[in-house]
Amino acid sequence: MQIQVVKSKIHRVKVTGADLNYIGSITIDEDLMDAANIIQGEKIQVVNNNNGERLETYVIPGPRNSGEITLNGAAAHKVDIGDLLILITYATMSVETAKGFTPALVFPDETTNLLK
């Protein structure tokens, strides 16, 4: 049997941009991506702490050490700049593997979105 478990989580980052005219996705500071073991194009769940919205999209890297968190395309309608988000990726694995798996959990500075 295979189950889905949390692979990565970036906890409480602030939205820095919302670009309706981009083709889609979420742009994340590449330093945060590396710390959370998230790769370009990976599916990600976006949870908005301010309004309860949840959506899935894919990740594109933003400039390193920028703190950028930008929702692009239609997803830009689901956030306001300054909203706090939780970003979660999942992995599928066997139950036995999952029992020993440790997800990458990242808690950046809530003011700057930079790694502490």
C-alpha atoms as a PDB file:
ATOM      1  CA  MET A   1       0.000   0.000   0.000  1.00  0.00           C
ATOM      2  CA  GLN A   2       1.166   3.536  -0.803  1.00  0.00           C
ATOM      3  CA  ILE A   3       0.175   6.609   1.217  1.00  0.00           C
ATOM      4  CA  GLN A   4       0.760  10.340   0.845  1.00  0.00           C
ATOM      5  CA  VAL A   5       2.673  12.126   3.588  1.00  0.00           C
ATOM      6  CA  VAL A   6       3.968  15.661   4.079  1.00  0.00           C
ATOM      7  CA  LYS A   7       7.322  15.941   2.309  1.00  0.00           C
ATOM      8  CA  SER A   8       7.998  19.643   2.817  1.00  0.00           C
ATOM      9  CA  LYS A   9       6.448  22.589   4.603  1.00  0.00           C
ATOM     10  CA  ILE A  10       7.278  26.284   4.576  1.00  0.00           C
ATOM     11  CA  HIS A  11       5.364  27.661   7.536  1.00  0.00           C
ATOM     12  CA  ARG A  12       3.954  31.201   7.649  1.00  0.00           C
ATOM     13  CA  VAL A  13       5.462  33.131   4.783  1.00  0.00           C
ATOM     14  CA  LYS A  14       4.077  36.465   3.683  1.00  0.00           C
ATOM     15  CA  VAL A  15       2.736  37.075   0.162  1.00  0.00           C
ATOM     16  CA  THR A  16       4.980  39.627  -1.547  1.00  0.00           C
ATOM     17  CA  GLY A  17       3.263  39.691  -4.930  1.00  0.00           C
ATOM     18  CA  ALA A  18       0.220  38.695  -6.957  1.00  0.00           C
ATOM     19  CA  ASP A  19       0.562  38.735 -10.754  1.00  0.00           C
ATOM     20  CA  LEU A  20      -2.669  38.086 -12.662  1.00  0.00           C
ATOM     21  CA  ASN A  21      -0.951  38.360 -16.036  1.00  0.00           C
ATOM     22  CA  TYR A  22       1.539  35.551 -15.459  1.00  0.00           C
ATOM     23  CA  ILE A  23       0.728  32.110 -16.865  1.00  0.00           C
ATOM     24  CA  GLY A  24       0.319  30.425 -13.476  1.00  0.00           C
ATOM     25  CA  SER A  25       2.184  28.947 -10.511  1.00  0.00           C
ATOM     26  CA  ILE A  26       3.794  30.304  -7.355  1.00  0.00           C
ATOM     27  CA  THR A  27       7.215  31.948  -7.304  1.00  0.00           C
ATOM     28  CA  ILE A  28       9.243  31.054  -4.197  1.00  0.00           C
ATOM     29  CA  ASP A  29      12.666  32.358  -3.137  1.00  0.00           C
ATOM     30  CA  GLU A  30      15.064  29.604  -4.242  1.00  0.00           C
ATOM     31  CA  ASP A  31      16.754  29.597  -0.813  1.00  0.00           C
ATOM     32  CA  LEU A  32      13.418  28.626   0.754  1.00  0.00           C
ATOM     33  CA  MET A  33      12.904  25.975  -1.921  1.00  0.00           C
ATOM     34  CA  ASP A  34      16.308  24.433  -1.153  1.00  0.00           C
ATOM     35  CA  ALA A  35      15.741  24.510   2.618  1.00  0.00           C
ATOM     36  CA  ALA A  36      12.374  22.757   2.164  1.00  0.00           C
ATOM     37  CA  ASN A  37      13.621  20.272  -0.453  1.00  0.00           C
ATOM     38  CA  ILE A  38      11.183  21.609  -3.072  1.00  0.00           C
ATOM     39  CA  ILE A  39      12.114  21.494  -6.760  1.00  0.00           C
ATOM     40  CA  GLN A  40      11.085  23.569  -9.759  1.00  0.00           C
ATOM     41  CA  GLY A  41       7.776  22.360 -11.199  1.00  0.00           C
ATOM     42  CA  GLU A  42       6.769  20.439  -8.078  1.00  0.00           C
ATOM     43  CA  LYS A  43       3.089  20.387  -7.147  1.00  0.00           C
ATOM     44  CA  ILE A  44       2.401  22.423  -4.010  1.00  0.00           C
ATOM     45  CA  GLN A  45      -0.580  23.122  -1.787  1.00  0.00           C
ATOM     46  CA  VAL A  46      -1.008  26.762  -0.786  1.00  0.00           C
ATOM     47  CA  VAL A  47      -2.986  27.426   2.410  1.00  0.00           C
ATOM     48  CA  ASN A  48      -3.923  31.052   3.120  1.00  0.00           C
ATOM     49  CA  ASN A  49      -4.113  31.696   6.880  1.00  0.00           C
ATOM     50  CA  ASN A  50      -5.870  35.023   6.354  1.00  0.00           C
ATOM     51  CA  ASN A  51      -8.896  33.887   4.351  1.00  0.00           C
ATOM     52  CA  GLY A  52      -8.903  30.076   4.516  1.00  0.00           C
ATOM     53  CA  GLU A  53      -8.381  29.599   0.763  1.00  0.00           C
ATOM     54  CA  ARG A  54      -6.545  26.465  -0.358  1.00  0.00           C
ATOM     55  CA  LEU A  55      -5.222  25.805  -3.825  1.00  0.00           C
ATOM     56  CA  GLU A  56      -2.744  23.631  -5.665  1.00  0.00           C
ATOM     57  CA  THR A  57      -0.264  24.854  -8.240  1.00  0.00           C
ATOM     58  CA  TYR A  58       3.367  24.277  -9.202  1.00  0.00           C
ATOM     59  CA  VAL A  59       6.570  25.969  -8.081  1.00  0.00           C
ATOM     60  CA  ILE A  60       8.924  28.225  -9.995  1.00  0.00           C
ATOM     61  CA  PRO A  61      12.111  29.566  -8.391  1.00  0.00           C
ATOM     62  CA  GLY A  62      12.455  33.202  -7.453  1.00  0.00           C
ATOM     63  CA  PRO A  63      15.655  35.138  -6.811  1.00  0.00           C
ATOM     64  CA  ARG A  64      17.755  33.848  -3.914  1.00  0.00           C
ATOM     65  CA  ASN A  65      17.656  35.768  -0.640  1.00  0.00           C
ATOM     66  CA  SER A  66      14.745  37.864  -1.942  1.00  0.00           C
ATOM     67  CA  GLY A  67      11.975  36.512   0.284  1.00  0.00           C
ATOM     68  CA  GLU A  68       9.742  36.458  -2.796  1.00  0.00           C
ATOM     69  CA  ILE A  69       6.410  34.654  -2.520  1.00  0.00           C
ATOM     70  CA  THR A  70       4.290  35.590  -5.550  1.00  0.00           C
ATOM     71  CA  LEU A  71       1.037  33.948  -6.628  1.00  0.00           C
ATOM     72  CA  ASN A  72       0.691  34.038 -10.396  1.00  0.00           C
ATOM     73  CA  GLY A  73      -2.244  33.787 -12.792  1.00  0.00           C
ATOM     74  CA  ALA A  74      -5.725  32.992 -11.463  1.00  0.00           C
ATOM     75  CA  ALA A  75      -4.290  32.084  -8.036  1.00  0.00           C
ATOM     76  CA  ALA A  76      -3.469  35.782  -7.565  1.00  0.00           C
ATOM     77  CA  HIS A  77      -7.203  36.292  -6.911  1.00  0.00           C
ATOM     78  CA  LYS A  78      -6.910  34.087  -3.799  1.00  0.00           C
ATOM     79  CA  VAL A  79      -4.400  36.265  -1.905  1.00  0.00           C
ATOM     80  CA  ASP A  80      -3.664  39.793  -0.845  1.00  0.00           C
ATOM     81  CA  ILE A  81      -0.124  41.073  -0.467  1.00  0.00           C
ATOM     82  CA  GLY A  82       0.830  40.525   3.164  1.00  0.00           C
ATOM     83  CA  ASP A  83      -1.336  37.411   3.672  1.00  0.00           C
ATOM     84  CA  LEU A  84       0.365  34.618   5.604  1.00  0.00           C
ATOM     85  CA  LEU A  85       0.645  31.279   3.811  1.00  0.00           C
ATOM     86  CA  ILE A  86       1.602  27.720   4.626  1.00  0.00           C
ATOM     87  CA  LEU A  87       3.159  25.915   1.648  1.00  0.00           C
ATOM     88  CA  ILE A  88       3.029  22.104   1.674  1.00  0.00           C
ATOM     89  CA  THR A  89       4.281  19.381  -0.665  1.00  0.00           C
ATOM     90  CA  TYR A  90       3.507  15.685  -0.357  1.00  0.00           C
ATOM     91  CA  ALA A  91       5.228  12.451  -1.344  1.00  0.00           C
ATOM     92  CA  THR A  92       3.810   9.009  -2.021  1.00  0.00           C
ATOM     93  CA  MET A  93       5.583   6.134  -0.290  1.00  0.00           C
ATOM     94  CA  SER A  94       5.001   2.816   1.386  1.00  0.00           C
ATOM     95  CA  VAL A  95       3.652   2.780   4.923  1.00  0.00           C
ATOM     96  CA  GLU A  96       6.925   1.295   6.157  1.00  0.00           C
ATOM     97  CA  THR A  97       8.997   4.009   4.478  1.00  0.00           C
ATOM     98  CA  ALA A  98       6.617   6.698   5.763  1.00  0.00           C
ATOM     99  CA  LYS A  99       7.072   5.544   9.353  1.00  0.00           C
ATOM    100  CA  GLY A 100      10.754   6.495   9.201  1.00  0.00           C
ATOM    101  CA  PHE A 101      10.447   9.531   6.946  1.00  0.00           C
ATOM    102  CA  THR A 102      11.181  13.022   8.279  1.00  0.00           C
ATOM    103  CA  PRO A 103       9.741  15.951   6.290  1.00  0.00           C
ATOM    104  CA  ALA A 104      11.666  19.171   5.686  1.00  0.00           C
ATOM    105  CA  LEU A 105      10.012  21.840   7.846  1.00  0.00           C
ATOM    106  CA  VAL A 106      11.073  25.463   7.334  1.00  0.00           C
ATOM    107  CA  PHE A 107      10.101  28.363   9.602  1.00  0.00           C
ATOM    108  CA  PRO A 108      11.352  31.561   7.930  1.00  0.00           C
ATOM    109  CA  ASP A 109      11.290  35.022   9.459  1.00  0.00           C
ATOM    110  CA  GLU A 110       7.653  36.157   9.150  1.00  0.00           C
ATOM    111  CA  THR A 111       8.629  39.745   8.419  1.00  0.00           C
ATOM    112  CA  THR A 112      11.159  39.143   5.628  1.00  0.00           C
ATOM    113  CA  ASN A 113      10.449  35.529   4.508  1.00  0.00           C
ATOM    114  CA  LEU A 114      14.197  34.917   4.798  1.00  0.00           C
ATOM    115  CA  LEU A 115      15.794  31.934   6.507  1.00  0.00           C
ATOM    116  CA  LYS A 116      16.692  32.568  10.128  1.00  0.00           C
END
